[in-house]
Amino acid sequence: MSKYKCIIFDCDGVLVDSEPLSNQVMVDIANELGANINLDYALRNFKGNSFDNCANQISELIGRKAPENLEAIYRERSFEKFRNEIQPIEGVKEILGNLTIPFCVASSGPENKIKLNLNLTGLDEYFQENIFSCYTIQKWKPEPDIFIWASQSMGFEPSECLVVEDSKIGVKAALNGGFDVFGYTAHDYQDELPKLATKTFSDMLILPDLL
């Protein structure tokens, strides 16, 4: 029997394959401002970060403060790209459909983004209202607050929960909160997670065996 009583999933890169899409939008906007970066740069530097952190990085790249409406532009363009292209992570529907313990999603994205992407990929039925956004509490990874809030709301202690993450910042947030964290490494471009996570795996379908 698993020692875990609840699983807390990150959203981007764990449930939905959104990282290449959202980061390409960020690249396009940054380059329009004169940044001269590519998708590889974005995946190495933006992935897992709060939007404000990404905006600050863009400001440094272009040598001036990024426009005040940067996030509004980014959300509009990325939501449109999601509507046209987003897919669930391979195998995740089968996993969610067969889990026998409670689970939820906790993400750095705004709640409307989380709900949009879960809806577009057909995953929304699995989560209902068990959706937790950093925007709601205004606390960001690598601070552990989002995972602590999620575990408390689900009725469990951190020691009873497993976090599934795909970014170094997300893994650190879970560890900072006293959680075990499994790193999903299918898109771990810099091979960072094995040094940090409790366990790592690259195929979502083997998650039940790891529990």
C-alpha atoms as a PDB file:
ATOM      1  CA  MET A   1       0.000   0.000   0.000  1.00  0.00           C
ATOM      2  CA  SER A   2       1.238   3.477  -0.865  1.00  0.00           C
ATOM      3  CA  LYS A   3       2.214   5.762   1.995  1.00  0.00           C
ATOM      4  CA  TYR A   4       0.675   8.648   0.065  1.00  0.00           C
ATOM      5  CA  LYS A   5      -2.935   9.636   0.692  1.00  0.00           C
ATOM      6  CA  CYS A   6      -3.110  12.473  -1.840  1.00  0.00           C
ATOM      7  CA  ILE A   7      -1.315  13.527  -5.034  1.00  0.00           C
ATOM      8  CA  ILE A   8      -0.764  17.174  -5.950  1.00  0.00           C
ATOM      9  CA  PHE A   9      -0.083  17.615  -9.662  1.00  0.00           C
ATOM     10  CA  ASP A  10       1.550  20.634 -11.223  1.00  0.00           C
ATOM     11  CA  CYS A  11      -0.321  21.594 -14.396  1.00  0.00           C
ATOM     12  CA  ASP A  12       2.013  22.851 -17.132  1.00  0.00           C
ATOM     13  CA  GLY A  13       4.278  20.076 -18.367  1.00  0.00           C
ATOM     14  CA  VAL A  14       2.727  17.491 -16.032  1.00  0.00           C
ATOM     15  CA  LEU A  15      -0.946  17.388 -17.008  1.00  0.00           C
ATOM     16  CA  VAL A  16      -0.922  19.448 -20.204  1.00  0.00           C
ATOM     17  CA  ASP A  17       1.831  19.816 -22.789  1.00  0.00           C
ATOM     18  CA  SER A  18       1.825  23.608 -22.612  1.00  0.00           C
ATOM     19  CA  GLU A  19       5.447  24.528 -21.937  1.00  0.00           C
ATOM     20  CA  PRO A  20       6.654  24.645 -25.571  1.00  0.00           C
ATOM     21  CA  LEU A  21       3.544  26.620 -26.542  1.00  0.00           C
ATOM     22  CA  SER A  22       3.615  29.209 -23.765  1.00  0.00           C
ATOM     23  CA  ASN A  23       7.364  29.655 -23.935  1.00  0.00           C
ATOM     24  CA  GLN A  24       7.269  30.183 -27.706  1.00  0.00           C
ATOM     25  CA  VAL A  25       4.740  32.962 -27.171  1.00  0.00           C
ATOM     26  CA  MET A  26       7.055  34.501 -24.591  1.00  0.00           C
ATOM     27  CA  VAL A  27       9.966  34.251 -27.025  1.00  0.00           C
ATOM     28  CA  ASP A  28       7.984  35.926 -29.793  1.00  0.00           C
ATOM     29  CA  ILE A  29       6.921  38.819 -27.565  1.00  0.00           C
ATOM     30  CA  ALA A  30      10.409  39.240 -26.086  1.00  0.00           C
ATOM     31  CA  ASN A  31      11.981  39.296 -29.547  1.00  0.00           C
ATOM     32  CA  GLU A  32       9.497  41.923 -30.728  1.00  0.00           C
ATOM     33  CA  LEU A  33      10.912  44.024 -27.903  1.00  0.00           C
ATOM     34  CA  GLY A  34      14.489  43.316 -29.020  1.00  0.00           C
ATOM     35  CA  ALA A  35      15.520  40.399 -26.803  1.00  0.00           C
ATOM     36  CA  ASN A  36      16.917  38.076 -29.523  1.00  0.00           C
ATOM     37  CA  ILE A  37      16.284  34.744 -27.716  1.00  0.00           C
ATOM     38  CA  ASN A  38      15.003  31.334 -28.834  1.00  0.00           C
ATOM     39  CA  LEU A  39      12.793  28.592 -27.415  1.00  0.00           C
ATOM     40  CA  ASP A  40      15.743  26.759 -25.892  1.00  0.00           C
ATOM     41  CA  TYR A  41      16.646  29.890 -23.928  1.00  0.00           C
ATOM     42  CA  ALA A  42      13.070  30.248 -22.704  1.00  0.00           C
ATOM     43  CA  LEU A  43      12.788  26.628 -21.588  1.00  0.00           C
ATOM     44  CA  ARG A  44      16.035  26.952 -19.657  1.00  0.00           C
ATOM     45  CA  ASN A  45      15.267  30.311 -18.057  1.00  0.00           C
ATOM     46  CA  PHE A  46      11.502  30.841 -17.933  1.00  0.00           C
ATOM     47  CA  LYS A  47      10.136  27.360 -17.238  1.00  0.00           C
ATOM     48  CA  GLY A  48       8.545  27.097 -13.801  1.00  0.00           C
ATOM     49  CA  ASN A  49       9.029  30.788 -13.010  1.00  0.00           C
ATOM     50  CA  SER A  50       6.332  33.275 -12.078  1.00  0.00           C
ATOM     51  CA  PHE A  51       5.294  35.668 -14.827  1.00  0.00           C
ATOM     52  CA  ASP A  52       6.851  38.599 -12.939  1.00  0.00           C
ATOM     53  CA  ASN A  53      10.189  36.798 -12.830  1.00  0.00           C
ATOM     54  CA  CYS A  54      10.025  36.185 -16.585  1.00  0.00           C
ATOM     55  CA  ALA A  55       9.091  39.821 -17.202  1.00  0.00           C
ATOM     56  CA  ASN A  56      12.071  40.961 -15.127  1.00  0.00           C
ATOM     57  CA  GLN A  57      14.352  38.727 -17.175  1.00  0.00           C
ATOM     58  CA  ILE A  58      12.976  40.224 -20.391  1.00  0.00           C
ATOM     59  CA  SER A  59      13.549  43.711 -19.005  1.00  0.00           C
ATOM     60  CA  GLU A  60      17.201  42.841 -18.404  1.00  0.00           C
ATOM     61  CA  LEU A  61      17.537  41.383 -21.901  1.00  0.00           C
ATOM     62  CA  ILE A  62      16.163  44.481 -23.632  1.00  0.00           C
ATOM     63  CA  GLY A  63      17.821  46.986 -21.322  1.00  0.00           C
ATOM     64  CA  ARG A  64      14.607  48.714 -20.267  1.00  0.00           C
ATOM     65  CA  LYS A  65      11.457  47.976 -18.307  1.00  0.00           C
ATOM     66  CA  ALA A  66       9.075  45.678 -20.126  1.00  0.00           C
ATOM     67  CA  PRO A  67       5.705  47.227 -21.063  1.00  0.00           C
ATOM     68  CA  GLU A  68       3.088  47.394 -18.323  1.00  0.00           C
ATOM     69  CA  ASN A  69       0.637  45.435 -20.483  1.00  0.00           C
ATOM     70  CA  LEU A  70       3.095  42.606 -21.146  1.00  0.00           C
ATOM     71  CA  GLU A  71       1.111  40.030 -19.197  1.00  0.00           C
ATOM     72  CA  ALA A  72      -2.163  40.998 -20.879  1.00  0.00           C
ATOM     73  CA  ILE A  73      -0.544  40.560 -24.294  1.00  0.00           C
ATOM     74  CA  TYR A  74       1.027  37.273 -23.233  1.00  0.00           C
ATOM     75  CA  ARG A  75      -2.214  35.851 -21.825  1.00  0.00           C
ATOM     76  CA  GLU A  76      -4.221  36.773 -24.919  1.00  0.00           C
ATOM     77  CA  ARG A  77      -1.721  35.228 -27.334  1.00  0.00           C
ATOM     78  CA  SER A  78      -0.951  32.149 -25.258  1.00  0.00           C
ATOM     79  CA  PHE A  79      -4.637  31.383 -24.631  1.00  0.00           C
ATOM     80  CA  GLU A  80      -5.242  31.513 -28.387  1.00  0.00           C
ATOM     81  CA  LYS A  81      -2.324  29.157 -28.992  1.00  0.00           C
ATOM     82  CA  PHE A  82      -3.617  26.792 -26.316  1.00  0.00           C
ATOM     83  CA  ARG A  83      -7.049  26.732 -27.970  1.00  0.00           C
ATOM     84  CA  ASN A  84      -5.487  25.684 -31.263  1.00  0.00           C
ATOM     85  CA  GLU A  85      -2.675  23.363 -30.205  1.00  0.00           C
ATOM     86  CA  ILE A  86      -2.660  22.142 -26.604  1.00  0.00           C
ATOM     87  CA  GLN A  87      -2.671  18.412 -25.852  1.00  0.00           C
ATOM     88  CA  PRO A  88      -2.700  16.404 -22.599  1.00  0.00           C
ATOM     89  CA  ILE A  89       0.554  14.814 -21.492  1.00  0.00           C
ATOM     90  CA  GLU A  90       0.683  11.324 -22.962  1.00  0.00           C
ATOM     91  CA  GLY A  91      -0.811   8.752 -20.603  1.00  0.00           C
ATOM     92  CA  VAL A  92      -2.154  11.240 -18.052  1.00  0.00           C
ATOM     93  CA  LYS A  93      -5.839  10.601 -18.778  1.00  0.00           C
ATOM     94  CA  GLU A  94      -5.404   6.891 -18.087  1.00  0.00           C
ATOM     95  CA  ILE A  95      -3.549   7.653 -14.855  1.00  0.00           C
ATOM     96  CA  LEU A  96      -6.169  10.092 -13.562  1.00  0.00           C
ATOM     97  CA  GLY A  97      -9.000   7.765 -14.490  1.00  0.00           C
ATOM     98  CA  ASN A  98      -7.536   4.929 -12.434  1.00  0.00           C
ATOM     99  CA  LEU A  99      -6.217   6.713  -9.336  1.00  0.00           C
ATOM    100  CA  THR A 100      -7.837   5.485  -6.137  1.00  0.00           C
ATOM    101  CA  ILE A 101      -6.620   8.270  -3.838  1.00  0.00           C
ATOM    102  CA  PRO A 102      -7.615  11.968  -3.867  1.00  0.00           C
ATOM    103  CA  PHE A 103      -5.682  14.322  -6.109  1.00  0.00           C
ATOM    104  CA  CYS A 104      -5.644  17.968  -7.140  1.00  0.00           C
ATOM    105  CA  VAL A 105      -3.722  20.448  -9.291  1.00  0.00           C
ATOM    106  CA  ALA A 106      -1.558  23.286  -7.947  1.00  0.00           C
ATOM    107  CA  SER A 107      -0.051  25.662 -10.490  1.00  0.00           C
ATOM    108  CA  SER A 108       1.746  28.983 -10.849  1.00  0.00           C
ATOM    109  CA  GLY A 109      -0.684  29.957 -13.606  1.00  0.00           C
ATOM    110  CA  PRO A 110      -3.855  31.975 -13.039  1.00  0.00           C
ATOM    111  CA  GLU A 111      -6.966  29.939 -12.345  1.00  0.00           C
ATOM    112  CA  ASN A 112      -8.625  30.818 -15.664  1.00  0.00           C
ATOM    113  CA  LYS A 113      -5.570  29.466 -17.507  1.00  0.00           C
ATOM    114  CA  ILE A 114      -5.581  26.223 -15.498  1.00  0.00           C
ATOM    115  CA  LYS A 115      -9.305  25.705 -16.109  1.00  0.00           C
ATOM    116  CA  LEU A 116      -8.998  26.559 -19.818  1.00  0.00           C
ATOM    117  CA  ASN A 117      -6.242  24.040 -20.417  1.00  0.00           C
ATOM    118  CA  LEU A 118      -7.886  21.307 -18.373  1.00  0.00           C
ATOM    119  CA  ASN A 119     -11.097  21.894 -20.343  1.00  0.00           C
ATOM    120  CA  LEU A 120      -9.351  21.931 -23.722  1.00  0.00           C
ATOM    121  CA  THR A 121      -7.615  18.624 -22.977  1.00  0.00           C
ATOM    122  CA  GLY A 122     -10.619  16.904 -21.414  1.00  0.00           C
ATOM    123  CA  LEU A 123      -9.023  16.743 -17.973  1.00  0.00           C
ATOM    124  CA  ASP A 124     -11.385  19.124 -16.184  1.00  0.00           C
ATOM    125  CA  GLU A 125     -13.785  16.349 -15.163  1.00  0.00           C
ATOM    126  CA  TYR A 126     -11.076  14.763 -13.024  1.00  0.00           C
ATOM    127  CA  PHE A 127     -10.380  17.858 -10.931  1.00  0.00           C
ATOM    128  CA  GLN A 128     -13.720  19.638 -10.509  1.00  0.00           C
ATOM    129  CA  GLU A 129     -12.955  22.352  -7.921  1.00  0.00           C
ATOM    130  CA  ASN A 130      -9.690  20.850  -6.677  1.00  0.00           C
ATOM    131  CA  ILE A 131      -7.691  23.561  -8.449  1.00  0.00           C
ATOM    132  CA  PHE A 132      -5.166  25.764  -6.652  1.00  0.00           C
ATOM    133  CA  SER A 133      -3.443  28.777  -8.211  1.00  0.00           C
ATOM    134  CA  CYS A 134      -0.509  30.818  -6.946  1.00  0.00           C
ATOM    135  CA  TYR A 135      -2.394  33.905  -8.142  1.00  0.00           C
ATOM    136  CA  THR A 136      -5.093  33.304  -5.523  1.00  0.00           C
ATOM    137  CA  ILE A 137      -2.670  33.503  -2.614  1.00  0.00           C
ATOM    138  CA  GLN A 138      -0.020  35.700  -4.302  1.00  0.00           C
ATOM    139  CA  LYS A 139       2.766  33.345  -3.265  1.00  0.00           C
ATOM    140  CA  TRP A 140       5.088  31.863  -5.844  1.00  0.00           C
ATOM    141  CA  LYS A 141       7.323  28.840  -6.234  1.00  0.00           C
ATOM    142  CA  PRO A 142       9.968  28.079  -4.964  1.00  0.00           C
ATOM    143  CA  GLU A 143       8.058  29.174  -1.861  1.00  0.00           C
ATOM    144  CA  PRO A 144       6.018  26.163  -0.712  1.00  0.00           C
ATOM    145  CA  ASP A 145       2.774  28.028   0.050  1.00  0.00           C
ATOM    146  CA  ILE A 146       0.808  26.756  -2.953  1.00  0.00           C
ATOM    147  CA  PHE A 147       1.444  23.123  -2.055  1.00  0.00           C
ATOM    148  CA  ILE A 148       0.761  23.678   1.643  1.00  0.00           C
ATOM    149  CA  TRP A 149      -2.536  25.386   0.790  1.00  0.00           C
ATOM    150  CA  ALA A 150      -3.474  22.558  -1.549  1.00  0.00           C
ATOM    151  CA  SER A 151      -2.674  19.824   0.983  1.00  0.00           C
ATOM    152  CA  GLN A 152      -4.547  21.577   3.787  1.00  0.00           C
ATOM    153  CA  SER A 153      -7.568  22.173   1.555  1.00  0.00           C
ATOM    154  CA  MET A 154      -7.592  18.515   0.559  1.00  0.00           C
ATOM    155  CA  GLY A 155      -7.396  17.539   4.245  1.00  0.00           C
ATOM    156  CA  PHE A 156      -3.888  16.102   4.437  1.00  0.00           C
ATOM    157  CA  GLU A 157      -0.500  16.848   5.961  1.00  0.00           C
ATOM    158  CA  PRO A 158       2.505  17.449   3.662  1.00  0.00           C
ATOM    159  CA  SER A 159       3.973  14.125   4.803  1.00  0.00           C
ATOM    160  CA  GLU A 160       0.867  12.359   3.470  1.00  0.00           C
ATOM    161  CA  CYS A 161       1.031  13.982   0.036  1.00  0.00           C
ATOM    162  CA  LEU A 162       3.090  13.452  -3.086  1.00  0.00           C
ATOM    163  CA  VAL A 163       3.811  16.345  -5.446  1.00  0.00           C
ATOM    164  CA  VAL A 164       4.424  15.672  -9.151  1.00  0.00           C
ATOM    165  CA  GLU A 165       6.478  18.416 -10.807  1.00  0.00           C
ATOM    166  CA  ASP A 166       8.484  18.950 -13.980  1.00  0.00           C
ATOM    167  CA  SER A 167      10.566  22.049 -13.145  1.00  0.00           C
ATOM    168  CA  LYS A 168      13.469  22.672 -10.802  1.00  0.00           C
ATOM    169  CA  ILE A 169      11.635  25.583  -9.195  1.00  0.00           C
ATOM    170  CA  GLY A 170       8.548  23.442  -8.607  1.00  0.00           C
ATOM    171  CA  VAL A 171      10.565  20.603  -7.121  1.00  0.00           C
ATOM    172  CA  LYS A 172      12.289  23.030  -4.765  1.00  0.00           C
ATOM    173  CA  ALA A 173       8.923  24.456  -3.703  1.00  0.00           C
ATOM    174  CA  ALA A 174       7.666  21.004  -2.777  1.00  0.00           C
ATOM    175  CA  LEU A 175      10.821  20.118  -0.883  1.00  0.00           C
ATOM    176  CA  ASN A 176      10.677  23.458   0.949  1.00  0.00           C
ATOM    177  CA  GLY A 177       7.229  22.483   2.193  1.00  0.00           C
ATOM    178  CA  GLY A 178       8.268  19.076   3.452  1.00  0.00           C
ATOM    179  CA  PHE A 179       6.707  17.101   0.608  1.00  0.00           C
ATOM    180  CA  ASP A 180       8.035  14.131  -1.282  1.00  0.00           C
ATOM    181  CA  VAL A 181       8.191  15.112  -4.947  1.00  0.00           C
ATOM    182  CA  PHE A 182       8.464  12.984  -8.067  1.00  0.00           C
ATOM    183  CA  GLY A 183      10.083  14.735 -11.010  1.00  0.00           C
ATOM    184  CA  TYR A 184       8.524  14.085 -14.416  1.00  0.00           C
ATOM    185  CA  THR A 185      11.539  14.230 -16.714  1.00  0.00           C
ATOM    186  CA  ALA A 186      10.133  13.850 -20.237  1.00  0.00           C
ATOM    187  CA  HIS A 187      11.044  17.507 -20.826  1.00  0.00           C
ATOM    188  CA  ASP A 188      13.825  17.932 -18.260  1.00  0.00           C
ATOM    189  CA  TYR A 189      16.038  19.641 -20.821  1.00  0.00           C
ATOM    190  CA  GLN A 190      18.964  20.261 -18.479  1.00  0.00           C
ATOM    191  CA  ASP A 191      18.753  16.985 -16.520  1.00  0.00           C
ATOM    192  CA  GLU A 192      18.192  18.931 -13.295  1.00  0.00           C
ATOM    193  CA  LEU A 193      15.516  16.887 -11.565  1.00  0.00           C
ATOM    194  CA  PRO A 194      17.366  13.651 -10.695  1.00  0.00           C
ATOM    195  CA  LYS A 195      19.653  15.616  -8.363  1.00  0.00           C
ATOM    196  CA  LEU A 196      16.717  17.158  -6.505  1.00  0.00           C
ATOM    197  CA  ALA A 197      13.549  15.061  -6.616  1.00  0.00           C
ATOM    198  CA  THR A 198      12.613  12.150  -4.345  1.00  0.00           C
ATOM    199  CA  LYS A 199      12.244  10.030  -7.484  1.00  0.00           C
ATOM    200  CA  THR A 200      12.118  10.744 -11.208  1.00  0.00           C
ATOM    201  CA  PHE A 201      10.227   9.149 -14.092  1.00  0.00           C
ATOM    202  CA  SER A 202       9.861   9.899 -17.795  1.00  0.00           C
ATOM    203  CA  ASP A 203       6.712   7.916 -18.662  1.00  0.00           C
ATOM    204  CA  MET A 204       3.484   8.992 -16.989  1.00  0.00           C
ATOM    205  CA  LEU A 205       2.087   5.459 -17.217  1.00  0.00           C
ATOM    206  CA  ILE A 206       4.629   4.122 -14.707  1.00  0.00           C
ATOM    207  CA  LEU A 207       3.555   6.550 -11.968  1.00  0.00           C
ATOM    208  CA  PRO A 208       1.253   3.999 -10.230  1.00  0.00           C
ATOM    209  CA  ASP A 209       4.147   1.559  -9.933  1.00  0.00           C
ATOM    210  CA  LEU A 210       6.257   4.232  -8.218  1.00  0.00           C
ATOM    211  CA  LEU A 211       3.602   4.908  -5.623  1.00  0.00           C
END
